[in-house]
N, C-alpha and C. Protein backbone atom coordinates (compact mmCIF):
# COMPACT_ATOMS: atom_id res chain seq x y z
N MET A 1 82.16 101.68 131.95
CA MET A 1 83.07 100.77 131.21
C MET A 1 84.00 100.20 132.64
N ASN A 2 84.48 98.98 132.57
CA ASN A 2 85.35 98.32 133.57
C ASN A 2 86.53 99.11 133.64
N SER A 3 87.03 99.39 134.91
CA SER A 3 88.20 100.02 135.26
C SER A 3 89.41 99.23 134.78
N ASN A 4 89.32 97.91 135.11
CA ASN A 4 90.63 96.91 135.16
C ASN A 4 90.03 96.07 134.21
N ARG A 5 90.52 96.33 133.05
CA ARG A 5 90.29 95.44 131.64
C ARG A 5 91.23 94.82 131.34
N THR A 6 91.36 93.59 132.11
CA THR A 6 92.50 92.66 131.94
C THR A 6 91.68 91.24 132.09
N ALA A 7 92.46 90.01 131.38
CA ALA A 7 91.67 88.91 131.68
C ALA A 7 93.00 87.77 131.32
N LEU A 8 93.00 86.71 131.97
CA LEU A 8 93.51 85.63 131.94
C LEU A 8 92.87 84.51 131.55
N VAL A 9 93.19 83.61 130.57
CA VAL A 9 92.56 82.34 129.94
C VAL A 9 93.61 81.37 129.78
N GLU A 10 93.25 80.21 130.43
CA GLU A 10 94.05 79.12 130.04
C GLU A 10 93.18 77.97 129.48
N ARG A 11 93.60 77.52 128.49
CA ARG A 11 93.01 76.40 127.60
C ARG A 11 94.00 75.13 127.40
N ASN A 12 93.73 74.17 127.95
CA ASN A 12 94.17 72.73 127.94
C ASN A 12 93.52 71.69 127.21
N THR A 13 94.01 71.28 126.27
CA THR A 13 93.48 70.15 125.25
C THR A 13 94.78 69.18 125.22
N LEU A 14 94.20 68.02 124.65
CA LEU A 14 95.14 66.98 124.29
C LEU A 14 96.30 67.46 123.21
N GLU A 15 95.90 68.60 122.42
CA GLU A 15 96.81 69.19 121.53
C GLU A 15 97.60 70.22 121.72
N THR A 16 97.26 71.10 122.72
CA THR A 16 97.86 72.19 123.15
C THR A 16 97.49 72.68 124.69
N GLN A 17 98.50 73.27 125.08
CA GLN A 17 98.38 73.99 126.56
C GLN A 17 98.66 75.41 126.32
N ILE A 18 97.49 76.39 126.58
CA ILE A 18 97.75 77.75 126.10
C ILE A 18 97.36 78.73 127.47
N ARG A 19 98.12 79.67 127.76
CA ARG A 19 97.89 80.58 128.60
C ARG A 19 98.01 81.98 128.00
N ALA A 20 96.94 82.82 128.12
CA ALA A 20 96.73 83.84 127.20
C ALA A 20 96.36 84.85 128.18
N GLN A 21 97.01 86.18 128.68
CA GLN A 21 96.68 87.11 129.51
C GLN A 21 96.63 88.49 128.63
N VAL A 22 95.76 89.39 128.94
CA VAL A 22 95.65 90.53 127.98
C VAL A 22 95.24 91.55 128.86
N SER A 23 95.84 92.94 128.88
CA SER A 23 95.41 94.26 129.13
C SER A 23 95.11 95.12 128.20
N LEU A 24 93.73 95.70 127.96
CA LEU A 24 93.29 96.35 126.86
C LEU A 24 94.02 97.73 126.97
N ASP A 25 94.48 98.27 128.31
CA ASP A 25 94.74 99.47 128.65
C ASP A 25 96.45 99.53 128.80
N GLY A 26 97.10 99.00 127.90
CA GLY A 26 98.48 98.60 128.42
C GLY A 26 99.36 99.66 127.54
N SER A 27 100.41 99.18 127.41
CA SER A 27 101.51 100.28 126.73
C SER A 27 102.04 99.48 125.19
N GLY A 28 101.60 98.12 125.18
CA GLY A 28 102.10 97.49 124.01
C GLY A 28 103.26 96.54 124.37
N ALA A 29 103.28 96.15 125.62
CA ALA A 29 104.32 95.42 126.09
C ALA A 29 103.86 93.82 125.71
N SER A 30 104.79 93.18 125.55
CA SER A 30 104.50 91.89 125.23
C SER A 30 105.64 90.59 125.56
N ARG A 31 105.23 89.45 125.83
CA ARG A 31 105.85 88.31 126.30
C ARG A 31 105.29 87.02 125.54
N LEU A 32 105.85 86.66 124.41
CA LEU A 32 105.38 85.57 123.65
C LEU A 32 106.30 84.52 123.30
N GLN A 33 105.75 83.47 123.58
CA GLN A 33 106.33 82.11 123.59
C GLN A 33 105.44 80.91 122.99
N THR A 34 105.07 80.95 121.86
CA THR A 34 104.36 79.69 121.13
C THR A 34 105.13 78.88 120.59
N GLY A 35 106.49 78.93 120.57
CA GLY A 35 107.27 77.79 119.96
C GLY A 35 107.00 78.24 118.30
N VAL A 36 106.57 79.11 117.77
CA VAL A 36 106.43 79.37 116.34
C VAL A 36 106.86 80.95 116.21
N PRO A 37 108.11 80.97 115.86
CA PRO A 37 108.79 82.39 115.87
C PRO A 37 107.88 83.48 114.85
N PHE A 38 107.62 83.03 113.85
CA PHE A 38 106.97 83.93 112.83
C PHE A 38 105.74 84.42 113.59
N PHE A 39 104.77 83.57 113.98
CA PHE A 39 103.55 83.66 114.78
C PHE A 39 103.85 84.66 115.98
N ASP A 40 105.05 84.55 116.65
CA ASP A 40 105.07 85.48 117.92
C ASP A 40 105.48 86.56 117.16
N HIS A 41 106.07 86.84 116.05
CA HIS A 41 106.19 88.28 115.59
C HIS A 41 105.00 88.90 115.12
N MET A 42 104.09 88.18 114.51
CA MET A 42 102.72 88.68 114.35
C MET A 42 101.97 89.22 115.54
N LEU A 43 102.04 88.29 116.53
CA LEU A 43 101.26 88.67 117.86
C LEU A 43 101.89 89.89 118.27
N ASP A 44 103.13 90.09 118.20
CA ASP A 44 103.88 91.18 118.69
C ASP A 44 103.41 92.56 118.07
N GLN A 45 102.87 92.26 116.62
CA GLN A 45 102.39 93.55 115.94
C GLN A 45 101.12 93.80 116.83
N ILE A 46 100.07 93.00 117.10
CA ILE A 46 99.01 93.34 117.93
C ILE A 46 98.95 93.91 119.08
N ALA A 47 100.00 93.49 119.83
CA ALA A 47 100.32 94.35 121.04
C ALA A 47 101.11 95.54 120.86
N ARG A 48 101.85 95.76 120.12
CA ARG A 48 102.45 97.00 119.85
C ARG A 48 101.70 98.04 119.10
N HIS A 49 101.11 97.77 118.31
CA HIS A 49 100.20 98.68 117.65
C HIS A 49 98.54 98.65 118.18
N GLY A 50 98.39 97.84 119.04
CA GLY A 50 97.26 97.85 119.72
C GLY A 50 97.18 98.39 120.96
N ALA A 51 98.32 98.82 121.26
CA ALA A 51 98.57 99.16 122.81
C ALA A 51 98.02 98.33 123.78
N ILE A 52 98.04 97.16 123.44
CA ILE A 52 97.62 95.92 124.27
C ILE A 52 98.67 95.29 124.99
N ASP A 53 98.56 95.00 126.26
CA ASP A 53 99.98 94.14 126.88
C ASP A 53 99.38 92.74 126.92
N LEU A 54 100.10 92.03 126.15
CA LEU A 54 99.92 90.59 125.90
C LEU A 54 100.95 89.63 126.20
N ASP A 55 100.50 88.69 126.85
CA ASP A 55 101.48 87.55 127.50
C ASP A 55 100.91 86.25 127.27
N ILE A 56 101.38 85.43 126.15
CA ILE A 56 101.00 84.30 125.77
C ILE A 56 101.93 83.08 125.91
N GLU A 57 101.64 82.04 126.36
CA GLU A 57 102.64 80.77 126.52
C GLU A 57 101.98 79.54 125.97
N ALA A 58 102.53 78.93 124.93
CA ALA A 58 101.75 77.90 124.42
C ALA A 58 102.61 76.70 123.96
N THR A 59 102.10 75.72 124.30
CA THR A 59 102.86 74.29 124.19
C THR A 59 101.95 73.55 123.12
N GLY A 60 102.34 73.13 122.42
CA GLY A 60 101.60 72.40 121.18
C GLY A 60 102.15 71.38 120.66
N ASP A 61 101.54 70.45 119.66
CA ASP A 61 102.07 69.38 119.00
C ASP A 61 102.76 69.78 117.80
N LEU A 62 103.73 70.63 117.84
CA LEU A 62 104.46 71.08 116.75
C LEU A 62 105.18 70.24 115.95
N GLN A 63 105.34 69.04 116.54
CA GLN A 63 106.07 67.74 115.67
C GLN A 63 105.20 67.39 114.59
N ILE A 64 103.81 67.87 114.72
CA ILE A 64 103.03 67.53 113.64
C ILE A 64 102.91 68.52 112.92
N ASP A 65 102.41 69.91 112.98
CA ASP A 65 102.78 71.18 112.52
C ASP A 65 102.09 72.29 113.57
N ALA A 66 102.03 73.43 113.03
CA ALA A 66 101.50 74.59 113.91
C ALA A 66 100.06 74.62 113.96
N HIS A 67 99.42 74.12 113.33
CA HIS A 67 97.94 74.31 113.12
C HIS A 67 97.23 74.39 114.45
N HIS A 68 97.32 73.48 115.21
CA HIS A 68 96.58 73.41 116.57
C HIS A 68 96.91 74.40 117.37
N THR A 69 98.43 74.83 117.43
CA THR A 69 98.87 76.03 118.21
C THR A 69 98.44 77.39 117.81
N VAL A 70 98.43 77.47 116.51
CA VAL A 70 98.01 78.89 116.00
C VAL A 70 96.59 78.91 116.19
N GLU A 71 95.53 78.15 115.67
CA GLU A 71 94.24 78.02 116.07
C GLU A 71 93.93 78.29 117.62
N ASP A 72 94.56 77.35 118.43
CA ASP A 72 94.18 77.53 119.62
C ASP A 72 94.58 78.92 120.36
N VAL A 73 95.59 79.25 120.15
CA VAL A 73 96.08 80.79 120.51
C VAL A 73 94.86 81.73 120.13
N GLY A 74 94.50 81.78 119.02
CA GLY A 74 93.56 82.52 118.35
C GLY A 74 92.13 82.24 119.41
N ILE A 75 91.93 81.05 119.82
CA ILE A 75 90.57 81.06 120.56
C ILE A 75 90.84 81.54 121.94
N ALA A 76 91.97 81.20 122.78
CA ALA A 76 92.18 81.78 123.97
C ALA A 76 92.47 83.26 123.92
N PHE A 77 92.95 83.89 123.01
CA PHE A 77 93.14 85.25 122.98
C PHE A 77 91.87 85.96 122.83
N GLY A 78 90.86 85.26 121.92
CA GLY A 78 89.64 85.89 121.80
C GLY A 78 88.91 85.84 123.02
N GLN A 79 88.92 84.76 123.71
CA GLN A 79 88.32 84.74 124.99
C GLN A 79 88.78 85.76 125.98
N ALA A 80 89.94 85.81 126.19
CA ALA A 80 90.60 86.90 126.92
C ALA A 80 90.20 88.44 126.64
N VAL A 81 90.15 88.63 125.35
CA VAL A 81 89.70 89.74 124.97
C VAL A 81 88.46 90.34 125.29
N SER A 82 87.41 89.00 125.05
CA SER A 82 86.09 89.40 125.46
C SER A 82 85.88 89.42 126.80
N ARG A 83 86.49 88.68 127.59
CA ARG A 83 86.43 89.01 129.11
C ARG A 83 87.00 90.26 129.64
N ALA A 84 87.88 90.69 129.11
CA ALA A 84 88.62 91.91 129.33
C ALA A 84 87.63 93.16 129.06
N ILE A 85 86.84 92.89 128.04
CA ILE A 85 86.00 94.19 127.51
C ILE A 85 85.04 94.31 128.57
N GLY A 86 84.52 93.21 128.96
CA GLY A 86 83.46 93.31 130.02
C GLY A 86 82.06 93.58 129.13
N ASP A 87 81.35 94.57 129.91
CA ASP A 87 79.87 95.03 129.49
C ASP A 87 79.81 95.65 128.18
N LYS A 88 81.01 96.33 127.66
CA LYS A 88 81.03 97.04 126.62
C LYS A 88 80.22 98.49 126.85
N LYS A 89 79.99 98.86 127.96
CA LYS A 89 79.45 100.06 128.27
C LYS A 89 80.59 101.04 127.99
N GLY A 90 80.19 102.27 127.24
CA GLY A 90 81.22 103.47 127.22
C GLY A 90 82.18 103.22 126.10
N ILE A 91 82.43 102.13 125.26
CA ILE A 91 83.29 101.70 124.54
C ILE A 91 83.10 102.55 122.92
N ARG A 92 84.04 102.60 122.06
CA ARG A 92 83.59 103.03 120.66
C ARG A 92 82.97 101.82 119.66
N ARG A 93 83.05 100.65 120.33
CA ARG A 93 82.45 99.35 119.49
C ARG A 93 83.19 99.14 118.18
N TYR A 94 83.37 100.25 117.49
CA TYR A 94 83.84 99.97 116.04
C TYR A 94 85.16 100.35 115.92
N GLY A 95 85.81 99.69 114.82
CA GLY A 95 87.38 100.13 114.82
C GLY A 95 87.84 100.03 113.38
N HIS A 96 88.85 100.72 112.93
CA HIS A 96 89.28 100.40 111.55
C HIS A 96 90.54 100.97 111.21
N ALA A 97 91.31 100.40 110.15
CA ALA A 97 92.70 100.80 110.24
C ALA A 97 92.92 100.30 108.88
N TYR A 98 93.86 101.26 108.12
CA TYR A 98 94.56 100.99 106.86
C TYR A 98 96.14 100.78 107.23
N VAL A 99 96.88 100.06 106.87
CA VAL A 99 98.32 100.02 107.18
C VAL A 99 98.85 99.76 106.04
N PRO A 100 100.07 100.18 105.64
CA PRO A 100 100.96 100.03 104.57
C PRO A 100 102.23 99.67 105.21
N LEU A 101 102.99 98.87 104.50
CA LEU A 101 104.44 98.59 104.56
C LEU A 101 104.97 98.42 103.30
N ASP A 102 105.75 99.19 102.75
CA ASP A 102 106.30 99.32 101.49
C ASP A 102 105.27 99.12 100.44
N GLU A 103 105.19 97.99 99.67
CA GLU A 103 104.38 97.69 98.44
C GLU A 103 102.96 97.18 99.00
N ALA A 104 102.82 97.00 99.94
CA ALA A 104 101.72 95.90 100.80
C ALA A 104 100.86 97.03 101.37
N LEU A 105 99.53 96.84 101.41
CA LEU A 105 98.58 97.72 102.20
C LEU A 105 97.19 96.80 102.60
N SER A 106 97.02 96.89 103.65
CA SER A 106 95.80 96.04 104.22
C SER A 106 94.70 96.94 105.07
N ARG A 107 93.58 96.71 104.90
CA ARG A 107 92.68 96.96 105.80
C ARG A 107 91.80 96.44 106.69
N VAL A 108 91.77 96.43 107.90
CA VAL A 108 90.88 95.86 108.77
C VAL A 108 89.87 96.60 109.52
N VAL A 109 88.66 95.87 109.39
CA VAL A 109 87.62 96.68 110.26
C VAL A 109 86.59 95.74 111.27
N ILE A 110 86.60 96.14 112.30
CA ILE A 110 86.03 95.24 113.34
C ILE A 110 84.76 96.05 114.03
N ASP A 111 83.87 94.96 114.44
CA ASP A 111 82.73 95.33 115.11
C ASP A 111 82.50 94.46 116.43
N LEU A 112 82.72 95.11 117.64
CA LEU A 112 82.55 94.04 119.02
C LEU A 112 81.11 93.92 119.21
N SER A 113 80.29 93.21 118.06
CA SER A 113 79.11 93.33 117.79
C SER A 113 78.30 92.10 118.78
N GLY A 114 79.25 91.04 119.17
CA GLY A 114 78.54 90.20 120.16
C GLY A 114 78.08 88.89 119.05
N ARG A 115 78.35 89.13 117.50
CA ARG A 115 77.94 87.93 116.86
C ARG A 115 79.37 87.90 116.04
N PRO A 116 79.66 86.43 116.01
CA PRO A 116 80.83 85.99 115.11
C PRO A 116 80.67 86.13 113.74
N GLY A 117 81.44 86.78 113.20
CA GLY A 117 81.34 86.81 111.67
C GLY A 117 82.87 87.31 111.00
N LEU A 118 83.40 86.43 109.90
CA LEU A 118 84.75 86.73 109.44
C LEU A 118 84.68 86.77 108.11
N TRP A 119 85.17 87.99 107.31
CA TRP A 119 85.23 88.07 106.15
C TRP A 119 86.73 88.37 105.78
N PHE A 120 87.55 87.34 105.38
CA PHE A 120 89.22 87.25 105.14
C PHE A 120 89.38 87.26 103.55
N GLU A 121 89.56 88.39 103.10
CA GLU A 121 89.90 88.51 101.66
C GLU A 121 91.20 88.86 101.57
N VAL A 122 92.31 87.52 101.37
CA VAL A 122 93.68 87.75 101.47
C VAL A 122 94.21 86.48 100.46
N THR A 123 95.06 87.08 99.48
CA THR A 123 95.65 86.22 98.65
C THR A 123 97.04 86.26 98.80
N PHE A 124 97.85 85.30 99.45
CA PHE A 124 99.21 85.49 99.61
C PHE A 124 99.98 85.21 98.49
N PRO A 125 101.07 85.80 98.07
CA PRO A 125 101.82 85.70 97.11
C PRO A 125 102.49 84.38 97.00
N ARG A 126 102.95 83.83 98.27
CA ARG A 126 103.31 82.46 98.21
C ARG A 126 102.73 81.64 99.35
N ALA A 127 103.03 80.32 99.56
CA ALA A 127 102.28 79.74 100.60
C ALA A 127 102.97 79.56 101.91
N ARG A 128 104.16 79.78 101.85
CA ARG A 128 105.14 79.93 103.20
C ARG A 128 105.88 81.21 103.29
N ILE A 129 105.99 81.52 104.38
CA ILE A 129 106.94 82.46 104.98
C ILE A 129 107.97 81.94 105.72
N GLY A 130 109.12 81.81 105.29
CA GLY A 130 109.92 80.67 105.94
C GLY A 130 109.40 79.34 105.99
N ASP A 131 109.17 78.92 107.18
CA ASP A 131 108.54 77.54 107.35
C ASP A 131 106.96 77.44 107.82
N PHE A 132 106.70 78.93 107.75
CA PHE A 132 105.25 79.03 108.36
C PHE A 132 104.25 78.99 107.25
N ASP A 133 103.09 78.10 107.49
CA ASP A 133 102.04 78.11 106.64
C ASP A 133 101.13 79.17 106.61
N VAL A 134 100.90 79.71 105.60
CA VAL A 134 100.22 81.15 105.69
C VAL A 134 98.72 80.91 105.73
N ASP A 135 98.48 79.56 105.49
CA ASP A 135 96.83 79.28 105.71
C ASP A 135 96.55 79.46 107.30
N LEU A 136 97.59 79.19 107.96
CA LEU A 136 97.25 79.28 109.36
C LEU A 136 96.56 80.60 110.07
N LEU A 137 97.00 81.53 109.20
CA LEU A 137 96.75 82.97 109.75
C LEU A 137 95.09 83.29 109.86
N LEU A 138 94.60 82.48 108.75
CA LEU A 138 93.12 82.47 108.67
C LEU A 138 92.41 81.73 109.80
N GLU A 139 93.26 80.55 110.24
CA GLU A 139 92.66 79.85 111.60
C GLU A 139 92.92 80.61 112.81
N PHE A 140 93.88 81.56 112.82
CA PHE A 140 94.11 82.21 114.01
C PHE A 140 92.96 83.24 114.08
N PHE A 141 92.56 83.89 112.87
CA PHE A 141 91.48 84.88 113.30
C PHE A 141 90.11 84.34 113.30
N ARG A 142 89.72 82.95 112.78
CA ARG A 142 88.66 82.34 112.87
C ARG A 142 88.45 82.15 114.23
N GLY A 143 89.63 81.54 115.01
CA GLY A 143 89.30 81.21 116.18
C GLY A 143 89.21 82.52 117.10
N PHE A 144 89.97 83.59 116.92
CA PHE A 144 89.64 84.81 117.54
C PHE A 144 88.06 85.32 117.51
N VAL A 145 87.76 85.10 116.27
CA VAL A 145 86.38 85.86 115.92
C VAL A 145 85.36 84.90 116.68
N ASN A 146 85.38 83.61 116.38
CA ASN A 146 84.23 82.73 117.06
C ASN A 146 84.38 83.03 118.59
N HIS A 147 85.43 83.35 119.51
CA HIS A 147 85.52 83.22 120.66
C HIS A 147 85.33 84.69 121.36
N ALA A 148 85.82 85.60 120.45
CA ALA A 148 85.49 86.95 120.98
C ALA A 148 84.08 87.71 120.70
N GLN A 149 83.50 86.88 119.90
CA GLN A 149 82.03 87.08 119.10
C GLN A 149 82.10 88.55 118.74
N VAL A 150 82.90 88.61 117.69
CA VAL A 150 83.14 89.96 117.04
C VAL A 150 82.66 89.64 115.57
N THR A 151 82.54 90.83 114.86
CA THR A 151 82.54 90.84 113.31
C THR A 151 83.82 91.52 112.97
N LEU A 152 84.54 90.86 111.97
CA LEU A 152 85.87 91.13 111.37
C LEU A 152 86.05 91.03 109.86
N HIS A 153 86.50 92.13 109.22
CA HIS A 153 86.41 92.28 107.91
C HIS A 153 87.95 92.48 107.54
N VAL A 154 88.85 91.51 107.10
CA VAL A 154 90.21 91.77 106.70
C VAL A 154 90.52 91.63 105.40
N ASP A 155 90.97 92.60 104.65
CA ASP A 155 91.36 92.73 103.24
C ASP A 155 92.60 93.20 102.94
N ASN A 156 93.27 92.44 102.28
CA ASN A 156 94.70 92.80 101.66
C ASN A 156 94.24 93.85 100.47
N LEU A 157 94.62 94.68 100.28
CA LEU A 157 94.39 95.49 98.97
C LEU A 157 95.64 95.30 98.07
N LYS A 158 96.74 95.28 98.46
CA LYS A 158 97.80 95.01 97.64
C LYS A 158 99.05 94.60 98.27
N GLY A 159 100.02 94.01 97.39
CA GLY A 159 101.22 93.31 98.15
C GLY A 159 101.88 92.25 97.36
N THR A 160 103.07 92.49 97.11
CA THR A 160 103.84 91.19 96.47
C THR A 160 104.92 90.36 97.11
N ASN A 161 104.88 90.81 98.62
CA ASN A 161 105.81 90.33 99.50
C ASN A 161 105.05 89.89 100.50
N ALA A 162 105.03 88.28 100.81
CA ALA A 162 104.11 87.69 101.78
C ALA A 162 104.33 88.11 103.14
N HIS A 163 105.50 88.32 103.41
CA HIS A 163 105.68 88.84 104.80
C HIS A 163 104.93 90.21 105.06
N HIS A 164 105.28 91.14 104.13
CA HIS A 164 104.84 92.34 104.36
C HIS A 164 103.24 92.28 104.43
N VAL A 165 102.66 91.61 103.48
CA VAL A 165 101.19 91.40 103.49
C VAL A 165 100.73 90.97 104.86
N ALA A 166 101.22 89.82 105.64
CA ALA A 166 100.92 89.52 106.84
C ALA A 166 101.24 90.54 107.78
N GLU A 167 102.12 91.00 107.54
CA GLU A 167 102.70 92.32 108.79
C GLU A 167 101.44 93.34 108.60
N THR A 168 100.97 93.81 107.45
CA THR A 168 100.03 94.83 107.50
C THR A 168 98.71 94.31 107.99
N ILE A 169 98.41 93.21 107.91
CA ILE A 169 97.11 92.47 108.18
C ILE A 169 97.13 92.56 109.90
N PHE A 170 98.22 92.31 110.53
CA PHE A 170 98.38 92.29 112.00
C PHE A 170 98.43 93.53 112.63
N LYS A 171 99.36 94.51 111.93
CA LYS A 171 99.26 95.91 112.19
C LYS A 171 98.02 96.50 112.37
N ALA A 172 97.25 96.28 111.35
CA ALA A 172 96.03 96.91 110.95
C ALA A 172 94.79 96.16 112.10
N PHE A 173 95.23 95.13 112.18
CA PHE A 173 94.11 94.36 113.10
C PHE A 173 94.28 94.92 114.59
N GLY A 174 95.54 95.32 115.20
CA GLY A 174 96.02 95.83 116.42
C GLY A 174 95.31 97.11 116.21
N ARG A 175 95.56 98.05 115.32
CA ARG A 175 95.01 99.20 115.30
C ARG A 175 93.39 99.39 115.39
N ALA A 176 92.75 98.53 114.58
CA ALA A 176 91.28 98.61 114.69
C ALA A 176 90.84 98.15 115.97
N LEU A 177 91.26 97.01 116.81
CA LEU A 177 90.91 96.49 117.82
C LEU A 177 91.31 97.92 118.92
N ARG A 178 92.28 98.32 118.78
CA ARG A 178 92.47 99.44 119.76
C ARG A 178 91.69 100.56 119.71
N MET A 179 91.08 100.72 118.62
CA MET A 179 90.12 101.94 118.32
C MET A 179 88.64 101.27 118.92
N ALA A 180 88.13 100.03 118.65
CA ALA A 180 87.00 99.66 119.10
C ALA A 180 86.97 99.42 120.69
N VAL A 181 87.84 99.29 121.23
CA VAL A 181 87.80 98.96 122.71
C VAL A 181 88.07 100.44 123.47
N GLU A 182 88.35 101.46 122.78
CA GLU A 182 88.69 102.72 123.60
C GLU A 182 87.48 103.20 124.15
N ALA A 183 87.57 104.06 125.25
CA ALA A 183 86.56 104.62 125.84
C ALA A 183 86.08 105.92 124.86
N ASP A 184 84.68 105.82 124.53
CA ASP A 184 84.14 106.92 124.01
C ASP A 184 83.74 107.95 124.82
N PRO A 185 84.40 109.17 125.07
CA PRO A 185 83.81 110.13 126.09
C PRO A 185 82.39 110.57 126.11
N ARG A 186 81.76 110.52 124.66
CA ARG A 186 80.50 110.93 124.59
C ARG A 186 79.47 109.97 125.13
N MET A 187 79.87 108.79 125.20
CA MET A 187 78.88 107.43 125.50
C MET A 187 78.83 107.34 126.83
N GLN A 188 79.69 108.02 127.64
CA GLN A 188 79.75 107.84 129.15
C GLN A 188 79.73 106.29 129.36
N GLU A 189 78.47 105.95 130.19
CA GLU A 189 78.17 104.33 130.48
C GLU A 189 76.97 104.01 129.60
N ALA A 190 76.78 104.54 128.23
CA ALA A 190 75.81 103.89 127.56
C ALA A 190 76.54 102.60 126.74
N LEU A 191 75.56 101.84 126.45
CA LEU A 191 75.85 100.81 125.69
C LEU A 191 75.73 101.26 124.22
N PRO A 192 76.81 101.01 123.28
CA PRO A 192 76.76 101.42 121.88
C PRO A 192 75.94 100.35 120.92
N SER A 193 74.67 100.46 121.30
CA SER A 193 73.68 99.68 120.50
C SER A 193 72.28 100.23 120.69
N THR A 194 71.41 100.26 119.88
CA THR A 194 70.19 100.30 120.02
C THR A 194 69.11 99.09 120.47
N LYS A 195 69.69 98.24 120.55
CA LYS A 195 69.22 96.65 121.14
C LYS A 195 69.28 96.69 122.49
N GLY A 196 70.33 97.41 123.05
CA GLY A 196 70.34 97.41 124.48
C GLY A 196 71.23 96.18 124.93
N LEU A 197 71.82 95.56 124.09
CA LEU A 197 72.48 94.18 124.19
C LEU A 197 73.42 94.19 123.39
N LEU A 198 74.76 93.61 123.52
CA LEU A 198 75.77 93.44 122.73
C LEU A 198 76.54 91.97 123.19
């Protein structure tokens, strides 16, 4: 397993300028400046509950809406996680978590499979949390999955408060990712796959 599991990705388009830095073996520290306060709050859940140090700066066309910013942060974050993981030798590969918050409960399961796949079974009780469009959360996870090359199942099992639903998803995602990237002492330097490739 790589001893220095950090990565920095810069992504610049006509719509957004993103800088994303991750350290998979961090303490949960974060510095988040996307211009979208609720989204920053959700990214902070990933860092804190995933024990991942996360530094993200984003400038986007927020005068239109937050779509490009949220999606492109997902892309850059996915690329950074993929680079930081490295060759995947000695890791657990799979991770899962159930997280409650009052009446809400969500489950996230991840496989660092090398194959992008997203199953997002979430029905939000309302379309907006403050001025944040909840449809954008799917775009974030789609960007992440496609560029981290992982299989991800996100299921909200119950919840009547949209903020609670979103927060349980991001906390569970952080916990599941943390488990998947952890060193497995029984694997040593073995690749967790019978294919010999992930």
